[in-house]
Protein backbone atom coordinates (compact mmCIF):
# COMPACT_ATOMS: atom_id res chain seq x y z
CA MET A 1 92.08 -17.79 -41.49
CA GLN A 2 92.21 -15.27 -38.70
CA PRO A 3 95.34 -13.15 -38.14
CA TRP A 4 97.47 -14.72 -35.42
CA HIS A 5 97.00 -11.84 -33.02
CA THR A 6 93.23 -12.37 -32.85
CA LEU A 7 93.31 -16.10 -32.04
CA SER A 8 92.92 -15.60 -28.27
CA LEU A 9 93.29 -13.03 -25.55
CA TRP A 10 96.75 -14.44 -24.91
CA MET A 11 97.91 -14.06 -28.51
CA ASP A 12 96.28 -10.65 -28.74
CA GLN A 13 98.38 -9.48 -25.81
CA LEU A 14 101.57 -10.34 -27.71
CA GLY A 15 100.77 -7.81 -30.42
CA LYS A 16 103.27 -7.53 -33.26
CA SER A 17 105.74 -10.09 -31.88
CA LEU A 18 103.98 -12.91 -33.76
CA SER A 19 105.70 -12.57 -37.12
CA PRO A 20 106.43 -16.11 -38.33
CA ARG A 21 109.91 -17.47 -38.88
CA PRO A 22 110.90 -18.54 -42.41
CA ALA A 23 109.45 -21.73 -43.88
CA LEU A 24 111.46 -24.82 -44.77
CA THR A 25 112.64 -24.54 -48.39
CA GLU A 26 115.28 -27.29 -48.62
CA ASP A 27 115.97 -30.94 -47.84
CA LEU A 28 117.62 -31.54 -44.48
CA HIS A 29 119.03 -34.36 -42.37
CA ALA A 30 118.59 -34.29 -38.59
CA ASP A 31 118.83 -36.49 -35.55
CA VAL A 32 115.35 -35.57 -34.35
CA ALA A 33 112.50 -34.03 -36.37
CA ILE A 34 109.53 -32.69 -34.43
CA ILE A 35 106.12 -31.93 -35.93
CA GLY A 36 104.52 -29.01 -34.12
CA ALA A 37 105.90 -26.04 -32.19
CA GLY A 38 103.48 -26.29 -29.28
CA TYR A 39 104.33 -27.20 -25.73
CA THR A 40 105.11 -30.90 -26.30
CA GLY A 41 107.37 -30.30 -29.27
CA LEU A 42 109.20 -27.41 -27.65
CA TRP A 43 109.64 -29.10 -24.27
CA THR A 44 110.96 -32.23 -25.98
CA ALA A 45 113.47 -30.16 -27.94
CA TYR A 46 114.44 -28.22 -24.82
CA TYR A 47 115.21 -31.25 -22.67
CA LEU A 48 116.95 -33.09 -25.49
CA LYS A 49 119.25 -30.12 -26.08
CA ARG A 50 119.92 -29.76 -22.35
CA GLN A 51 121.13 -33.35 -22.17
CA ALA A 52 122.58 -33.85 -25.66
CA PRO A 53 123.51 -30.46 -27.15
CA GLN A 54 125.23 -32.14 -30.12
CA LEU A 55 121.90 -33.36 -31.54
CA ARG A 56 120.57 -31.66 -34.65
CA ILE A 57 116.89 -31.01 -33.93
CA VAL A 58 114.46 -29.60 -36.48
CA ILE A 59 110.92 -28.47 -35.66
CA LEU A 60 108.32 -28.03 -38.41
CA GLU A 61 105.29 -25.91 -37.52
CA GLY A 62 102.31 -25.56 -39.85
CA GLU A 63 101.45 -22.05 -38.68
CA THR A 64 103.46 -20.25 -36.01
CA ALA A 65 104.71 -21.41 -32.60
CA GLY A 66 101.80 -21.67 -30.17
CA PHE A 67 99.11 -21.46 -32.86
CA GLY A 68 97.29 -24.52 -31.52
CA ALA A 69 96.10 -25.31 -28.01
CA SER A 70 99.35 -24.03 -26.47
CA GLY A 71 98.32 -20.44 -27.25
CA ARG A 72 94.59 -20.89 -26.63
CA ASN A 73 94.18 -22.66 -23.28
CA GLY A 74 92.99 -21.51 -19.86
CA GLY A 75 96.46 -20.93 -18.45
CA TRP A 76 96.35 -23.63 -15.75
CA LEU A 77 99.77 -25.19 -15.10
CA MET A 78 98.61 -28.21 -13.13
CA GLY A 79 100.58 -30.69 -11.06
CA ASN A 80 98.57 -33.69 -12.16
CA LEU A 81 97.66 -35.85 -15.15
CA LEU A 82 94.29 -36.77 -16.62
CA GLY A 83 93.19 -40.18 -15.27
CA GLN A 84 96.09 -40.43 -12.85
CA ASP A 85 94.03 -42.15 -10.12
CA ARG A 86 93.14 -45.06 -12.43
CA LEU A 87 96.71 -45.26 -13.72
CA LEU A 88 98.19 -45.37 -10.22
CA ASP A 89 95.56 -47.62 -8.66
CA GLY A 90 97.07 -50.84 -7.38
CA LEU A 91 100.67 -49.66 -7.30
CA PRO A 92 102.68 -50.18 -4.11
CA ASN A 93 102.48 -47.22 -1.77
CA ALA A 94 106.08 -46.14 -2.37
CA ALA A 95 105.64 -46.13 -6.16
CA ARG A 96 102.32 -44.29 -5.93
CA TYR A 97 103.73 -41.61 -3.63
CA SER A 98 106.75 -41.19 -5.91
CA ALA A 99 104.47 -40.75 -8.94
CA HIS A 100 102.33 -38.18 -7.16
CA ALA A 101 105.43 -36.26 -6.08
CA LEU A 102 106.60 -36.22 -9.70
CA LEU A 103 103.25 -34.87 -10.86
CA HIS A 104 102.93 -32.33 -8.05
CA GLY A 105 106.40 -31.07 -8.93
CA ILE A 106 105.47 -30.04 -12.48
CA PRO A 107 104.72 -26.35 -11.66
CA ASP A 108 108.02 -26.04 -9.77
CA GLU A 109 109.94 -27.71 -12.61
CA VAL A 110 108.52 -25.17 -15.05
CA ALA A 111 109.29 -22.35 -12.61
CA GLY A 112 112.92 -23.47 -12.61
CA VAL A 113 113.06 -23.28 -16.40
CA LEU A 114 111.45 -19.84 -16.37
CA GLU A 115 114.14 -18.60 -14.01
CA ARG A 116 116.99 -20.25 -15.90
CA GLU A 117 115.83 -18.99 -19.31
CA GLN A 118 114.55 -15.64 -18.01
CA ILE A 119 111.05 -16.23 -19.37
CA ALA A 120 108.33 -13.86 -18.16
CA CYS A 121 104.85 -15.39 -18.53
CA ASP A 122 102.91 -14.06 -15.52
CA TYR A 123 103.67 -17.22 -13.51
CA ARG A 124 101.81 -17.25 -10.17
CA LYS A 125 101.65 -20.36 -8.04
CA GLY A 126 98.48 -19.63 -6.11
CA GLY A 127 97.01 -23.14 -6.20
CA VAL A 128 93.54 -24.07 -7.36
CA LEU A 129 90.11 -23.95 -5.75
CA TYR A 130 87.74 -26.77 -6.72
CA CYS A 131 84.45 -25.27 -5.60
CA ALA A 132 80.96 -26.52 -4.82
CA ALA A 133 78.43 -23.89 -5.80
CA ARG A 134 75.12 -23.33 -7.64
CA TYR A 135 73.45 -26.51 -6.31
CA PRO A 136 73.96 -28.83 -3.30
CA GLU A 137 74.77 -31.96 -5.33
CA GLN A 138 78.16 -30.38 -6.03
CA LEU A 139 78.89 -30.44 -2.30
CA SER A 140 78.25 -34.16 -1.85
CA SER A 141 80.25 -34.96 -4.98
CA LEU A 142 83.20 -32.85 -3.85
CA GLN A 143 83.19 -34.38 -0.38
CA ARG A 144 83.29 -37.85 -1.91
CA GLN A 145 86.34 -36.75 -3.90
CA LEU A 146 88.00 -35.51 -0.72
CA ALA A 147 87.25 -38.79 1.07
CA ASP A 148 88.86 -40.66 -1.83
CA LEU A 149 91.94 -38.44 -1.64
CA ARG A 150 92.23 -39.12 2.08
CA ALA A 151 91.92 -42.86 1.40
CA GLN A 152 94.87 -42.54 -0.99
CA GLY A 153 96.94 -41.08 1.83
CA PHE A 154 96.85 -37.38 0.99
CA ASP A 155 96.68 -35.00 3.94
CA GLU A 156 95.89 -31.30 4.24
CA HIS A 157 99.26 -30.30 2.83
CA ASP A 158 98.09 -31.57 -0.56
CA TYR A 159 94.29 -31.20 -0.44
CA ARG A 160 92.52 -29.10 2.16
CA TRP A 161 88.80 -28.64 2.73
CA LEU A 162 87.57 -25.06 2.86
CA THR A 163 84.29 -24.14 4.48
CA PRO A 164 82.25 -21.41 2.77
CA PHE A 165 83.80 -18.95 5.24
CA ASP A 166 87.33 -20.17 4.49
CA LEU A 167 86.66 -20.15 0.76
CA GLY A 168 85.40 -16.57 1.00
CA LYS A 169 88.86 -15.46 2.13
CA GLN A 170 90.17 -16.41 -1.31
CA LEU A 171 87.15 -16.34 -3.60
CA GLN A 172 83.62 -15.03 -3.16
CA LEU A 173 81.08 -17.13 -5.07
CA ALA A 174 77.33 -16.82 -4.96
CA ASN A 175 75.77 -19.75 -3.12
CA ALA A 176 79.08 -21.38 -2.22
CA TYR A 177 79.03 -24.66 -0.27
CA GLY A 178 82.78 -25.16 0.17
CA ALA A 179 85.88 -26.12 -1.79
CA ILE A 180 88.93 -28.32 -2.00
CA TYR A 181 92.17 -26.33 -2.18
CA THR A 182 95.42 -27.75 -3.50
CA PRO A 183 98.66 -25.78 -3.88
CA HIS A 184 99.88 -27.87 -6.83
CA CYS A 185 98.85 -25.50 -9.60
CA ALA A 186 100.05 -22.23 -11.08
CA THR A 187 98.46 -19.83 -13.54
CA ILE A 188 100.35 -18.39 -16.50
CA GLN A 189 99.92 -16.39 -19.67
CA PRO A 190 100.25 -19.42 -21.95
CA ALA A 191 101.11 -17.63 -25.20
CA LYS A 192 103.99 -15.82 -23.51
CA LEU A 193 105.30 -19.17 -22.30
CA VAL A 194 105.10 -20.97 -25.65
CA ARG A 195 106.52 -18.08 -27.66
CA SER A 196 109.37 -17.53 -25.20
CA LEU A 197 110.11 -21.24 -25.06
CA ALA A 198 110.39 -21.23 -28.85
CA GLN A 199 112.93 -18.40 -28.62
CA SER A 200 114.88 -20.32 -25.99
CA VAL A 201 115.20 -23.54 -28.00
CA VAL A 202 116.23 -21.58 -31.10
CA ALA A 203 118.92 -19.91 -29.01
CA MET A 204 120.08 -23.39 -27.97
CA GLY A 205 120.56 -24.35 -31.62
CA VAL A 206 117.23 -25.95 -32.51
CA GLU A 207 116.09 -25.18 -36.07
CA LEU A 208 112.47 -23.99 -36.11
CA TYR A 209 110.63 -23.58 -39.41
CA GLU A 210 107.18 -22.01 -39.29
CA GLN A 211 104.46 -22.02 -41.94
CA SER A 212 105.85 -25.46 -42.82
CA ARG A 213 102.93 -27.87 -42.64
CA VAL A 214 103.86 -31.54 -42.83
CA VAL A 215 101.91 -33.08 -45.71
CA GLU A 216 103.47 -36.56 -45.56
CA TRP A 217 105.22 -38.54 -42.89
CA GLN A 218 106.71 -42.01 -42.76
CA THR A 219 109.56 -43.78 -41.02
CA GLY A 220 112.51 -41.41 -41.01
CA LEU A 221 111.00 -38.80 -43.34
CA LEU A 222 108.83 -35.67 -43.19
CA ARG A 223 107.72 -33.70 -46.22
CA THR A 224 106.29 -30.22 -46.55
CA ALA A 225 105.20 -28.46 -49.74
CA THR A 226 108.66 -26.93 -50.12
CA GLY A 227 111.13 -29.23 -48.38
CA SER A 228 111.80 -32.38 -46.41
CA VAL A 229 113.59 -33.63 -43.32
CA ARG A 230 115.15 -37.06 -42.92
CA ALA A 231 115.74 -37.99 -39.29
CA ASP A 232 116.53 -40.89 -36.98
CA TRP A 233 113.63 -39.90 -34.74
CA ILE A 234 110.29 -38.33 -35.54
CA VAL A 235 108.18 -36.77 -32.78
CA PRO A 236 104.59 -36.03 -33.92
CA ALA A 237 103.77 -33.45 -31.24
CA VAL A 238 100.39 -32.48 -32.65
CA GLU A 239 97.91 -33.40 -29.86
CA GLY A 240 94.52 -32.02 -30.99
CA TYR A 241 95.66 -31.98 -34.62
CA ALA A 242 96.32 -35.74 -34.71
CA ALA A 243 93.54 -36.20 -37.26
CA SER A 244 95.70 -34.35 -39.79
CA LEU A 245 98.43 -37.01 -39.51
CA PRO A 246 96.98 -40.49 -40.13
CA PRO A 247 96.95 -42.90 -38.39
CA LEU A 248 97.26 -40.79 -35.22
CA GLY A 249 93.62 -39.74 -35.50
CA LYS A 250 92.53 -43.26 -34.57
CA HIS A 251 94.08 -42.81 -31.13
CA GLN A 252 93.70 -39.09 -30.32
CA LEU A 253 90.44 -37.31 -31.07
CA PRO A 254 90.18 -33.53 -31.40
CA VAL A 255 87.67 -32.04 -28.98
CA GLN A 256 87.17 -28.36 -28.34
CA SER A 257 87.25 -26.23 -25.24
CA LEU A 258 85.82 -22.71 -25.52
CA MET A 259 86.66 -19.60 -23.52
CA VAL A 260 85.75 -15.98 -22.96
CA ALA A 261 87.52 -13.08 -21.29
CA THR A 262 85.98 -9.97 -19.82
CA GLU A 263 87.23 -6.45 -20.04
CA PRO A 264 89.70 -5.53 -17.25
CA LEU A 265 87.68 -5.24 -14.04
CA PRO A 266 88.09 -2.41 -11.52
CA LYS A 267 89.97 -3.00 -8.27
CA ASP A 268 86.83 -2.67 -6.18
CA VAL A 269 85.18 -5.48 -8.15
CA TRP A 270 88.18 -7.74 -7.61
CA ALA A 271 88.19 -6.79 -3.93
CA ASP A 272 84.72 -8.35 -3.78
CA ILE A 273 85.64 -11.42 -5.84
CA GLY A 274 89.16 -12.25 -4.62
CA LEU A 275 91.76 -14.39 -6.43
CA ALA A 276 94.44 -12.00 -5.25
CA ARG A 277 97.28 -14.56 -5.50
CA GLY A 278 96.67 -15.87 -9.00
CA GLN A 279 94.58 -18.86 -7.92
CA ALA A 280 92.79 -20.93 -10.52
CA PHE A 281 89.24 -22.01 -9.80
CA SER A 282 86.48 -24.26 -11.07
CA GLU A 283 83.03 -25.30 -9.92
CA ASN A 284 82.28 -28.96 -9.55
CA SER A 285 79.85 -29.66 -12.38
CA ARG A 286 80.26 -31.91 -15.38
CA GLN A 287 80.22 -28.79 -17.57
CA VAL A 288 83.95 -28.57 -16.68
CA THR A 289 84.14 -24.86 -15.96
CA TYR A 290 87.46 -23.23 -15.17
CA GLY A 291 88.83 -19.74 -14.72
CA GLN A 292 91.50 -17.41 -13.48
CA ARG A 293 92.16 -13.73 -12.89
CA SER A 294 94.58 -12.60 -15.56
CA ALA A 295 97.55 -10.42 -14.77
CA ASP A 296 95.70 -7.47 -16.31
CA ASN A 297 92.63 -8.11 -14.11
CA ARG A 298 90.25 -9.83 -16.51
CA LEU A 299 88.11 -12.80 -15.66
CA VAL A 300 89.17 -15.57 -18.05
CA PHE A 301 86.55 -18.32 -18.03
CA GLY A 302 85.97 -21.49 -20.03
CA ALA A 303 83.78 -24.57 -20.24
CA ARG A 304 83.69 -27.86 -22.09
CA GLY A 305 83.17 -27.58 -25.85
CA GLY A 306 82.29 -30.35 -28.29
CA TYR A 307 83.34 -32.98 -30.81
CA ARG A 308 82.76 -32.91 -34.56
CA PHE A 309 81.74 -35.90 -36.65
CA GLY A 310 84.68 -37.83 -38.03
CA GLY A 311 87.13 -36.05 -35.75
CA GLN A 312 87.03 -32.95 -37.93
CA LEU A 313 89.12 -30.08 -36.66
CA ARG A 314 87.43 -26.84 -35.79
CA HIS A 315 89.15 -23.98 -37.58
CA ASP A 316 86.65 -21.16 -36.99
CA PHE A 317 86.79 -20.11 -33.36
CA ASN A 318 84.55 -17.11 -33.70
CA LEU A 319 82.24 -18.34 -30.97
CA SER A 320 78.56 -18.36 -31.76
CA GLU A 321 76.11 -16.30 -29.74
CA ASN A 322 74.91 -19.46 -27.97
CA GLU A 323 78.47 -20.46 -27.09
CA ARG A 324 79.18 -17.03 -25.63
CA ASP A 325 75.86 -16.91 -23.80
CA LEU A 326 76.41 -20.27 -22.10
CA ARG A 327 79.74 -19.15 -20.67
CA ARG A 328 78.29 -15.79 -19.63
CA TYR A 329 75.44 -17.62 -17.90
CA LEU A 330 77.81 -19.95 -16.06
CA PHE A 331 80.15 -17.25 -14.74
CA GLY A 332 77.19 -14.92 -14.11
CA GLU A 333 75.66 -17.51 -11.76
CA LEU A 334 78.92 -17.60 -9.81
CA PHE A 335 79.53 -13.84 -9.93
CA PRO A 336 76.16 -12.04 -10.25
CA GLN A 337 77.91 -8.66 -10.35
CA LEU A 338 79.43 -9.68 -13.71
CA LYS A 339 76.24 -10.68 -15.55
CA GLN A 340 76.33 -7.56 -17.70
CA VAL A 341 80.10 -7.17 -17.98
CA ARG A 342 81.57 -6.68 -21.44
CA ILE A 343 83.22 -9.71 -23.02
CA THR A 344 86.18 -8.57 -25.14
CA HIS A 345 87.57 -11.93 -26.30
CA ALA A 346 86.03 -15.30 -27.14
CA TRP A 347 88.04 -18.20 -28.53
CA GLY A 348 88.72 -21.91 -28.38
CA GLY A 349 91.15 -24.62 -29.31
CA ASN A 350 91.44 -28.24 -30.42
CA LEU A 351 92.82 -30.54 -27.75
CA GLY A 352 93.64 -34.23 -27.94
CA MET A 353 91.64 -36.88 -26.12
CA ALA A 354 92.91 -40.45 -25.92
CA ARG A 355 90.62 -43.49 -25.72
CA ARG A 356 89.87 -44.39 -22.09
CA PHE A 357 90.96 -40.84 -21.29
CA ARG A 358 94.50 -41.97 -20.54
CA PRO A 359 97.50 -39.92 -21.69
CA HIS A 360 100.32 -41.92 -23.23
CA MET A 361 104.08 -41.60 -23.73
CA LEU A 362 106.00 -44.12 -25.80
CA VAL A 363 108.84 -44.80 -28.21
CA ASP A 364 108.56 -47.04 -31.23
CA ARG A 365 112.26 -47.76 -31.71
CA ARG A 366 111.76 -49.94 -34.76
CA ASN A 367 110.20 -47.03 -36.64
CA GLY A 368 111.99 -44.19 -34.85
CA ILE A 369 108.84 -42.55 -33.48
CA ALA A 370 108.37 -40.94 -30.05
CA LEU A 371 104.91 -39.83 -28.98
CA SER A 372 103.35 -38.07 -26.01
CA GLY A 373 99.73 -36.97 -26.03
CA GLY A 374 96.12 -37.50 -25.09
CA TYR A 375 96.35 -34.93 -22.30
CA GLY A 376 92.71 -33.88 -22.44
CA GLY A 377 92.33 -30.44 -20.91
CA GLU A 378 95.43 -30.66 -18.73
CA GLY A 379 98.12 -30.28 -21.35
CA VAL A 380 99.95 -27.18 -20.11
CA GLY A 381 101.58 -29.12 -17.30
CA ALA A 382 101.34 -32.61 -18.80
CA SER A 383 103.24 -31.51 -21.90
CA ASN A 384 106.23 -30.54 -19.76
CA LEU A 385 106.18 -33.99 -18.21
CA GLY A 386 105.79 -35.48 -21.69
CA GLY A 387 108.70 -33.52 -23.12
CA ARG A 388 111.00 -34.55 -20.29
CA THR A 389 109.92 -38.16 -20.63
CA LEU A 390 110.35 -38.33 -24.41
CA ALA A 391 113.84 -36.86 -24.07
CA ASP A 392 114.86 -39.63 -21.67
CA LEU A 393 113.21 -42.32 -23.80
CA ILE A 394 114.92 -41.15 -27.00
CA LEU A 395 118.28 -40.97 -25.22
CA GLU A 396 117.69 -44.44 -23.70
CA LYS A 397 118.08 -42.98 -20.24
CA GLN A 398 116.49 -44.96 -17.42
CA SER A 399 114.94 -42.53 -14.97
CA GLU A 400 112.01 -41.97 -12.66
CA LEU A 401 110.24 -40.39 -15.63
CA THR A 402 110.43 -43.47 -17.84
CA THR A 403 109.09 -45.98 -15.29
CA GLN A 404 105.69 -44.42 -14.66
CA PRO A 405 102.45 -46.27 -15.56
CA TRP A 406 101.51 -43.73 -18.24
CA VAL A 407 104.77 -44.54 -20.07
CA LEU A 408 104.17 -47.43 -22.46
CA GLY A 409 107.84 -47.90 -23.28
CA ASP A 410 108.91 -49.40 -26.60
CA GLN A 411 105.61 -49.99 -28.34
CA ALA A 412 104.22 -49.53 -31.83
CA LEU A 413 101.67 -46.77 -32.38
CA SER A 414 99.22 -49.39 -33.61
CA GLN A 415 99.08 -50.87 -30.10
CA LEU A 416 97.51 -47.74 -28.63
CA PRO A 417 93.79 -48.03 -27.77
CA ARG A 418 91.61 -46.95 -30.68
CA TRP A 419 88.44 -44.94 -30.70
CA GLU A 420 85.32 -46.61 -32.01
CA PRO A 421 84.46 -46.01 -35.67
CA GLU A 422 81.91 -43.43 -36.72
CA PRO A 423 79.07 -42.89 -36.18
CA LEU A 424 79.48 -44.66 -32.81
CA ARG A 425 81.95 -42.21 -31.30
CA TRP A 426 80.02 -39.14 -32.48
CA LEU A 427 76.73 -40.54 -31.15
CA GLY A 428 78.34 -41.65 -27.91
CA TYR A 429 80.23 -38.44 -27.23
CA ASN A 430 77.27 -36.21 -27.94
CA ALA A 431 74.89 -38.38 -25.90
CA ILE A 432 77.26 -38.07 -22.96
CA ILE A 433 77.60 -34.30 -23.35
CA GLN A 434 73.84 -33.88 -23.66
CA SER A 435 73.37 -35.84 -20.43
CA PHE A 436 75.80 -33.48 -18.70
CA THR A 437 73.96 -30.43 -20.01
CA HIS A 438 70.61 -31.88 -18.96
CA GLU A 439 71.93 -32.73 -15.50
CA ASP A 440 73.24 -29.22 -15.00
CA ARG A 441 69.97 -27.64 -16.15
CA VAL A 442 67.92 -29.83 -13.78
CA LEU A 443 70.20 -29.37 -10.77
CA ALA A 444 70.52 -25.61 -11.26
CA ASN A 445 66.74 -25.32 -10.97
CA PRO A 446 65.86 -25.24 -7.24
CA ASN A 447 62.29 -26.27 -8.07
CA SER A 448 63.28 -29.54 -9.75
CA ALA A 449 61.63 -32.52 -8.07
CA PRO A 450 63.95 -34.81 -6.05
CA TRP A 451 63.26 -37.79 -8.31
CA ARG A 452 64.13 -35.72 -11.39
CA ARG A 453 67.38 -34.53 -9.80
CA LYS A 454 68.35 -38.09 -8.87
CA MET A 455 67.52 -39.43 -12.31
CA ALA A 456 69.56 -36.71 -14.06
CA CYS A 457 72.58 -37.46 -11.85
CA THR A 458 72.27 -41.21 -12.37
CA VAL A 459 72.04 -40.97 -16.15
CA ALA A 460 74.99 -38.55 -16.39
CA ALA A 461 77.14 -40.63 -14.04
CA ASN A 462 76.46 -43.86 -15.93
CA LEU A 463 77.17 -42.30 -19.30
CA GLU A 464 80.35 -40.72 -17.95
CA LYS A 465 81.67 -44.21 -17.22
CA LEU A 466 81.67 -44.90 -20.95
CA MET A 467 84.38 -42.28 -21.34
CA ARG A 468 86.75 -44.47 -19.35
């Protein structure tokens, strides 16, 4: 196991402040017991305590707060939810607009908490640039997305088209074709947020035990190697680590996203590149690339990772040479001046993916379980929404949060959609990812024949449908 301070750039920047809190060594009774001190668990505790300070809330964390995806992600605090278009399709206009306003408000909601709790996490609401670059097929795909957004009723206040010239005022990419800009996104230093949020909930009276891995859970009871917690409510806030808590692994698969960070870049280099306001950016390929300019002037850049047979967790995030080289190649094509830059950090994390790629929030009142998860790669913001929603569901509070289509209400865990058994899901997932890689390789080659380009796009698009 790596030392905590080497898990990611973000954790490395925290230095010696990562000493774990004491482990659970006794048997306790609580109103709410939460498994996992990541974003979902901490936000749930925070909003419960805000509304019902008399509750006794206990959090059990297997490592230290933020050890999982909460301390390893790309630092995008997004005002949206994975699969939201499909979830909102068919709703009356008023309900759909209300849901979008709720989602778009996530970065501002978090900003309010940061101010109230005096949390410093390099929050910058500069929006996000979804860019078409590297090959022309990205342009047509992005323009179709914009047309769909317009058909849903969004105007330029929410999603604005940028010509290559307009894009260049914010971000200079090689071979740029244009971009969609939306203001509903902030960038943060995610480890600072999760560690500070842990401090805040402890100050509110939440009991947080670290290095206290849950080895058994059942209705009303959690056990660790050295203690137990009996509670009216259990919140398994484990996301990408669902496979470690059967039967959650049937509903949330661990997939990996992998990242690199460069050394701090000189001011003249950033003057050429841009991102002066903390904007996030991605380029519109199925490789799912994403990046930001960190507060200490590094390029932080990631791309889609993989899935391991049987939903096995990845514990070793010392990226292989091939994994590093792919990410260097991808950002080097966008920023040729960085092809030889020194990479100082490379890491990854396990994130949770729900079947049909639809996040879920529910309470199983009969068994006293509340669950929010399946965020995919958008968990920094979605987990705040999930924490707020679970708090209202547990407290039986009817609100705008609890009436959204991603909220399944009072429902048993067994009713959640299940992933196919192995080897089907491993074969399917890897076939899909290979089609994406092949498509990108063909399209990035300007000498590829038109029929080959069309075939690669068609195969990748058809296989992508299987994910939904």
